[in-house]
Protein backbone atom coordinates (compact mmCIF):
# COMPACT_ATOMS: atom_id res chain seq x y z
CA MET A 1 153.93 7.96 27.05
CA ASN A 2 154.16 7.21 30.76
CA ALA A 3 155.85 3.82 31.31
CA GLN A 4 153.09 2.63 33.66
CA ILE A 5 150.41 3.53 31.14
CA GLN A 6 152.35 1.83 28.36
CA SER A 7 152.74 -1.36 30.40
CA ARG A 8 149.01 -1.46 31.23
CA LEU A 9 148.15 -0.62 27.62
CA ASP A 10 150.19 -3.60 26.41
CA LYS A 11 148.26 -5.92 28.75
CA LEU A 12 144.95 -4.52 27.53
CA ARG A 13 146.05 -4.97 23.93
CA THR A 14 146.82 -8.62 24.64
CA ASP A 15 143.47 -9.09 26.34
CA TYR A 16 141.69 -7.42 23.42
CA ASP A 17 143.51 -9.72 20.99
CA GLN A 18 142.41 -12.79 22.94
CA VAL A 19 138.78 -11.65 22.87
CA ARG A 20 138.56 -10.23 19.34
CA GLY A 21 141.27 -12.19 17.51
CA TYR A 22 143.36 -9.14 16.63
CA PRO A 23 144.95 -6.27 18.65
CA PHE A 24 143.65 -2.72 18.77
CA ALA A 25 145.74 -0.10 16.98
CA HIS A 26 145.79 2.60 19.68
CA PHE A 27 143.36 1.95 22.55
CA PHE A 28 139.82 0.61 22.36
CA CYS A 29 137.85 2.69 24.85
CA PRO A 30 135.25 0.67 26.82
CA ILE A 31 133.08 3.80 27.05
CA LEU A 32 133.20 5.28 23.54
CA PHE A 33 133.81 1.93 21.82
CA ARG A 34 136.32 3.58 19.52
CA ASP A 35 139.96 2.83 18.72
CA GLU A 36 141.50 6.23 18.05
CA ASP A 37 144.85 7.92 18.40
CA THR A 38 144.13 10.26 21.31
CA PRO A 39 145.85 11.17 24.60
CA LEU A 40 145.49 8.56 27.35
CA CYS A 41 145.69 8.81 31.14
CA LYS A 42 145.63 6.81 34.37
CA ALA A 43 141.93 6.64 35.19
CA HIS A 44 141.40 5.82 38.84
CA ILE A 45 138.49 3.43 39.30
CA VAL A 46 137.40 5.37 42.39
CA ASN A 47 138.19 9.05 42.10
CA ARG A 48 141.54 9.63 43.82
CA SER A 49 140.21 12.64 45.75
CA PHE A 50 138.49 10.17 48.09
CA SER A 51 140.70 9.37 51.06
CA ASP A 52 141.04 5.80 52.28
CA SER A 53 139.69 4.30 49.04
CA SER A 54 141.16 2.06 46.35
CA ARG A 55 143.97 3.52 44.26
CA LYS A 56 143.58 1.01 41.44
CA TRP A 57 143.45 2.48 37.96
CA THR A 58 143.06 1.54 34.33
CA VAL A 59 143.93 3.18 31.03
CA GLN A 60 141.33 5.59 29.71
CA ARG A 61 140.98 8.33 27.15
CA LYS A 62 141.98 11.61 28.74
CA ASP A 63 139.06 13.52 27.19
CA VAL A 64 136.47 11.08 28.57
CA ASP A 65 138.10 10.88 32.01
CA GLU A 66 138.32 14.67 32.34
CA PHE A 67 134.74 15.15 31.15
CA TYR A 68 133.28 12.96 33.89
CA GLY A 69 135.86 14.10 36.43
CA SER A 70 135.20 17.82 36.10
CA ASN A 71 131.44 17.71 35.51
CA PHE A 72 130.39 15.03 38.00
CA GLU A 73 133.12 13.44 40.14
CA ALA A 74 134.45 16.71 41.53
CA ASP A 75 131.04 17.41 43.09
CA PHE A 76 130.48 13.76 44.03
CA SER A 77 133.68 13.76 46.10
CA SER A 78 132.15 16.32 48.48
CA ILE A 79 130.09 13.53 50.10
CA GLN A 80 133.18 12.41 52.00
CA TYR A 81 132.76 15.50 54.22
CA LYS A 82 129.16 14.58 55.07
CA GLU A 83 130.00 13.10 58.46
CA SER A 84 133.27 14.82 59.30
CA ARG A 85 132.99 18.47 58.32
CA SER A 86 132.47 21.15 60.92
CA LEU A 87 130.75 24.46 60.34
CA GLY A 88 133.75 26.48 61.45
CA LYS A 89 136.17 24.55 59.26
CA THR A 90 133.87 24.86 56.27
CA LEU A 91 134.00 28.63 56.65
CA THR A 92 137.78 28.84 56.97
CA ASP A 93 139.05 26.01 54.75
CA LYS A 94 139.32 27.31 51.16
CA ALA A 95 138.60 23.95 49.54
CA LEU A 96 135.58 23.24 51.74
CA TYR A 97 134.30 26.79 51.33
CA LYS A 98 134.49 26.51 47.55
CA THR A 99 132.75 23.13 47.68
CA PHE A 100 129.83 24.09 49.93
CA THR A 101 129.61 27.91 49.70
CA PRO A 102 127.98 28.49 53.12
CA LYS A 103 125.06 30.94 53.17
CA ILE A 104 123.97 33.22 56.01
CA SER A 105 120.42 34.41 56.47
CA ILE A 106 118.66 36.56 59.08
CA ASP A 107 114.94 36.01 59.39
CA ASP A 108 115.16 33.91 56.20
CA LYS A 109 116.67 36.80 54.24
CA PRO A 110 120.16 36.21 52.75
CA VAL A 111 122.99 38.39 54.06
CA ASP A 112 126.32 38.79 52.28
CA TYR A 113 129.41 38.31 54.42
CA PHE A 114 133.18 37.81 54.36
CA ILE A 115 135.79 36.17 56.58
CA ALA A 116 137.42 38.94 58.60
CA ARG A 117 141.20 38.73 58.38
CA GLY A 118 141.81 42.22 59.75
CA ASP A 119 139.85 45.32 60.64
CA ILE A 120 136.23 45.35 59.53
CA PRO A 121 135.00 48.53 57.81
CA GLU A 122 132.70 50.52 60.09
CA GLN A 123 129.75 50.22 57.69
CA PHE A 124 129.74 46.45 58.26
CA THR A 125 128.97 44.37 61.37
CA PRO A 126 131.58 42.10 63.03
CA VAL A 127 130.28 38.78 64.37
CA LEU A 128 132.26 36.14 66.25
CA PHE A 129 131.17 32.63 65.38
CA GLU A 130 132.19 29.92 67.84
CA ASN A 131 131.79 26.31 66.75
CA ASP A 132 131.44 23.29 69.03
CA ASP A 133 134.72 21.83 67.76
CA GLY A 134 136.75 24.81 68.97
CA HIS A 135 136.95 26.74 65.70
CA SER A 136 136.30 30.46 66.15
CA VAL A 137 135.69 32.60 63.08
CA PHE A 138 135.29 36.36 62.76
CA LEU A 139 132.73 37.24 60.10
CA GLY A 140 131.93 40.62 58.61
CA LEU A 141 128.24 40.91 57.80
CA LYS A 142 127.55 43.32 54.97
CA ILE A 143 124.89 45.21 56.88
CA SER A 144 125.32 48.21 59.14
CA PRO A 145 125.61 47.78 62.93
CA GLU A 146 122.38 49.76 63.28
CA GLU A 147 120.48 47.41 60.97
CA TYR A 148 121.97 44.42 62.74
CA GLN A 149 120.81 45.76 66.13
CA SER A 150 117.31 46.11 64.76
CA LEU A 151 117.36 42.43 63.87
CA VAL A 152 118.45 41.19 67.31
CA GLY A 153 116.16 38.37 68.34
CA GLN A 154 115.52 37.29 64.77
CA LYS A 155 116.55 33.83 63.54
CA ILE A 156 120.16 33.76 62.27
CA GLU A 157 121.18 30.69 60.24
CA ILE A 158 124.29 29.46 58.50
CA GLU A 159 123.38 26.93 55.83
CA ILE A 160 125.79 24.39 54.37
CA SER A 161 124.28 22.24 51.67
CA LYS A 162 125.09 20.72 48.30
CA ASP A 163 122.91 18.64 46.01
CA VAL A 164 125.09 15.72 44.90
CA ARG A 165 122.34 13.36 43.73
CA MET A 166 123.10 13.60 40.02
CA PRO A 167 126.93 13.66 40.41
CA SER A 168 126.64 10.63 42.70
CA LEU A 169 124.52 8.62 40.29
CA VAL A 170 126.65 9.32 37.23
CA SER A 171 129.96 8.82 39.03
CA LEU A 172 128.88 5.54 40.61
CA ILE A 173 127.68 4.09 37.29
CA LYS A 174 131.05 4.99 35.75
CA THR A 175 132.95 3.51 38.70
CA ALA A 176 130.97 0.25 38.56
CA HIS A 177 131.57 -0.01 34.81
CA LEU A 178 135.33 0.53 35.14
CA THR A 179 135.41 -1.88 38.10
CA LEU A 180 134.04 -4.70 35.95
CA PHE A 181 136.30 -3.69 33.06
CA GLU A 182 139.36 -3.79 35.31
CA MET A 183 138.35 -7.18 36.74
CA ILE A 184 137.14 -8.97 33.61
CA GLY A 185 138.61 -6.91 30.76
CA TYR A 186 137.25 -6.92 27.24
CA ARG A 187 135.14 -10.02 27.89
CA TYR A 188 132.98 -7.70 29.95
CA ALA A 189 133.34 -4.67 27.65
CA PHE A 190 132.10 -6.62 24.62
CA SER A 191 129.29 -8.31 26.49
CA ALA A 192 125.80 -6.87 26.05
CA ALA A 193 126.02 -5.52 29.62
CA GLY A 194 129.36 -3.82 28.94
CA HIS A 195 128.05 -2.20 25.78
CA PHE A 196 124.87 -1.08 27.54
CA THR A 197 126.63 0.53 30.52
CA GLY A 198 129.67 1.69 28.55
CA TRP A 199 128.24 3.07 25.34
CA ASP A 200 124.46 3.30 25.76
CA ILE A 201 124.76 5.20 29.05
CA LEU A 202 128.20 6.73 29.57
CA GLY A 203 129.51 6.88 26.00
CA LYS A 204 126.39 8.27 24.39
CA PHE A 205 125.99 10.95 27.04
CA TYR A 206 129.62 12.01 26.58
CA TRP A 207 129.28 12.10 22.81
CA GLN A 208 126.18 14.28 22.99
CA ASN A 209 127.57 16.71 25.57
CA HIS A 210 131.38 16.81 25.57
CA ASN A 211 131.60 20.22 23.86
CA LYS A 212 128.97 21.97 26.00
CA PRO A 213 129.32 24.17 29.12
CA LYS A 214 128.87 22.51 32.52
CA SER A 215 125.53 24.17 33.22
CA GLU A 216 124.08 22.69 30.04
CA ILE A 217 125.70 19.30 30.69
CA LEU A 218 124.08 19.09 34.13
CA ALA A 219 120.71 20.15 32.78
CA ASN A 220 120.90 17.48 30.07
CA ALA A 221 121.97 14.88 32.63
CA GLN A 222 118.73 15.41 34.56
CA LEU A 223 116.77 14.12 31.58
CA PHE A 224 119.23 11.55 30.24
CA PHE A 225 119.86 9.74 33.53
CA ARG A 226 116.29 9.91 34.84
CA GLU A 227 115.50 6.32 33.82
CA PHE A 228 118.68 5.07 35.54
CA THR A 229 117.91 6.71 38.91
CA HIS A 230 117.56 3.39 40.74
CA MET A 231 120.82 1.89 39.49
CA ALA A 232 122.75 3.24 42.50
CA ARG A 233 122.07 3.23 46.24
CA PRO A 234 124.03 4.10 49.37
CA ILE A 235 124.43 1.28 51.87
CA GLN A 236 123.11 2.57 55.17
CA SER A 237 124.03 -0.31 57.48
CA GLN A 238 127.59 -1.18 58.43
CA SER A 239 129.17 -3.83 56.19
CA PRO A 240 132.62 -4.43 57.70
CA GLY A 241 133.34 -7.42 55.45
CA ILE A 242 132.94 -5.41 52.23
CA LYS A 243 135.78 -3.14 51.14
CA GLY A 244 134.52 -2.37 47.65
CA THR A 245 134.42 -4.74 44.67
CA ILE A 246 137.56 -3.29 43.07
CA THR A 247 139.46 -4.13 46.29
CA ASP A 248 138.08 -7.50 47.41
CA GLY A 249 136.31 -8.80 44.28
CA LEU A 250 133.04 -9.28 46.19
CA LEU A 251 129.73 -8.58 44.53
CA PHE A 252 126.20 -9.92 44.49
CA LEU A 253 124.64 -11.88 41.66
CA CYS A 254 120.91 -11.18 41.33
CA ARG A 255 118.79 -14.18 40.35
CA SER A 256 115.27 -14.62 39.06
CA THR A 257 112.75 -16.88 40.80
CA LYS A 258 113.95 -19.64 38.46
CA GLY A 259 117.56 -19.09 39.52
CA PHE A 260 118.81 -17.34 36.37
CA PRO A 261 121.27 -14.46 36.93
CA TRP A 262 120.11 -11.11 35.54
CA ALA A 263 122.27 -8.47 37.27
CA PHE A 264 125.43 -7.77 39.25
CA ILE A 265 125.51 -5.57 42.34
CA VAL A 266 128.89 -3.85 42.43
CA PHE A 267 130.14 -2.24 45.66
CA VAL A 268 131.92 1.12 45.60
CA LYS A 269 133.74 2.47 48.67
CA THR A 270 134.30 6.22 48.87
CA SER A 271 136.25 7.15 51.99
CA GLN A 272 134.04 5.87 54.84
CA LEU A 273 130.89 5.46 52.74
CA LEU A 274 129.78 2.39 50.81
CA HIS A 275 127.49 2.32 47.77
CA ALA A 276 125.92 -0.35 45.60
CA VAL A 277 125.36 -0.20 41.83
CA ILE A 278 123.21 -2.65 39.89
CA ILE A 279 124.54 -3.60 36.43
CA PRO A 280 122.40 -5.82 34.17
CA ILE A 281 123.47 -9.19 32.77
CA LEU A 282 121.97 -9.24 29.29
CA ASP A 283 122.82 -12.73 28.00
CA GLN A 284 119.20 -13.91 28.28
CA VAL A 285 116.41 -12.59 26.06
CA ASP A 286 114.16 -11.41 28.89
CA ASN A 287 116.89 -9.96 31.13
CA ALA A 288 116.72 -6.47 29.61
CA GLU A 289 112.98 -6.33 30.27
CA ARG A 290 113.53 -7.64 33.80
CA PHE A 291 116.19 -5.00 34.47
CA TYR A 292 114.12 -2.09 33.13
CA ASN A 293 111.05 -3.30 34.98
CA PHE A 294 113.04 -3.31 38.21
CA LEU A 295 114.19 0.28 37.62
CA ARG A 296 110.61 1.40 36.96
CA ASN A 297 108.45 -0.58 39.36
CA GLU A 298 108.09 -0.31 43.14
CA ASN A 299 109.68 -3.66 43.98
CA GLU A 300 112.49 -3.16 46.51
CA ILE A 301 113.43 -6.79 47.17
CA LEU A 302 116.21 -8.63 45.31
CA GLU A 303 117.12 -12.30 45.51
CA ALA A 304 120.91 -12.41 45.37
CA THR A 305 123.93 -14.63 45.86
CA LEU A 306 127.31 -13.42 47.10
CA CYS A 307 130.17 -14.17 44.73
CA ARG A 308 133.78 -13.25 44.11
CA PHE A 309 135.76 -12.90 40.92
CA ASN A 310 139.13 -14.50 41.69
CA LYS A 311 141.73 -13.85 38.97
CA ASP A 312 139.99 -15.59 36.06
CA HIS A 313 137.07 -17.50 37.54
CA TRP A 314 133.94 -17.00 39.65
CA GLU A 315 133.45 -18.32 43.15
CA ILE A 316 129.70 -18.35 43.85
CA SER A 317 128.07 -19.07 47.19
CA LYS A 318 125.43 -21.80 47.27
CA GLU A 319 123.25 -19.74 49.61
CA SER A 320 121.05 -16.88 48.50
CA THR A 321 119.81 -13.90 50.46
CA ARG A 322 117.09 -11.29 50.14
CA LEU A 323 118.33 -7.72 49.74
CA GLN A 324 116.36 -4.53 50.16
CA TRP A 325 116.95 -1.90 47.47
CA PRO A 326 115.19 1.32 48.58
CA LYS A 327 113.74 3.36 45.75
CA SER A 328 112.71 6.54 47.52
CA GLY A 329 114.48 9.10 49.67
CA ILE A 330 117.96 8.36 51.07
CA LEU A 331 120.61 9.85 48.77
CA TYR A 332 119.23 9.59 45.26
CA PRO A 333 115.48 10.32 45.23
CA ASP A 334 113.70 10.62 41.88
CA PHE A 335 114.95 13.61 39.93
């Protein structure tokens, strides 16, 4: 076993012992809630494909990490190109092309094409595409020059799009869960909130779908995660003081009108984008109902207090603030 993984595993075993009164035998997964002899890996809290984001990691089962990585996080990572990608680069860069698969249409009818790297066969039509950023790309349209001439004056479009709503939601819930696990350890994992987010959401979905093809997994996710749609939101305004909870320990504590805490808001930074994920605190009888009601109703205002987890204790501001939590449009509209 990798020495870094072994060292981190030993620390987790000690933490588990302090919480449960005995050590785990292999590794107690905070998602599957099982202690089994299975390959482990370095699970990055924020997927490592995101540039300029935290590189912190924890120990995780390799099968669970790869399941969420290949089925959701790989697509979620494409959002980092939202602001920076150019049309020309998306056509010529193999990774970007595979991610977005640009489509060309003439008069709203799709036209097959290829990137011209040499001579274009005479039955196809060469087109020079010049982008504003200086990228020039020769394309071969799979229509004859005569047909192309007959379409001159028609609307020609190159579409670059990718629906990342579901990958975003699932990936952000997983990141928020591992963030709290990395910060607080098994005290969080064995709390009602840790069990809810770890097993009831992430673990149960894995267990029901881990041996299925990706197309079926994504179809099942549409139904399974529907009720959790409003757990994650992008942060639209600039928040220069927030670097992501896993980096700076900052998060919001949501309070009821009587001042009782009922949820955390965990911040996740992915490249230049910032997201917020709401995780319930279920130590009070009515908190579960309050949390589910918030996910289902039209209320978009939260009363919250900024706090920081510093090593082994909480530092909580005495001042509260009202936060807006949009529930329509933006990045994750209702599925």
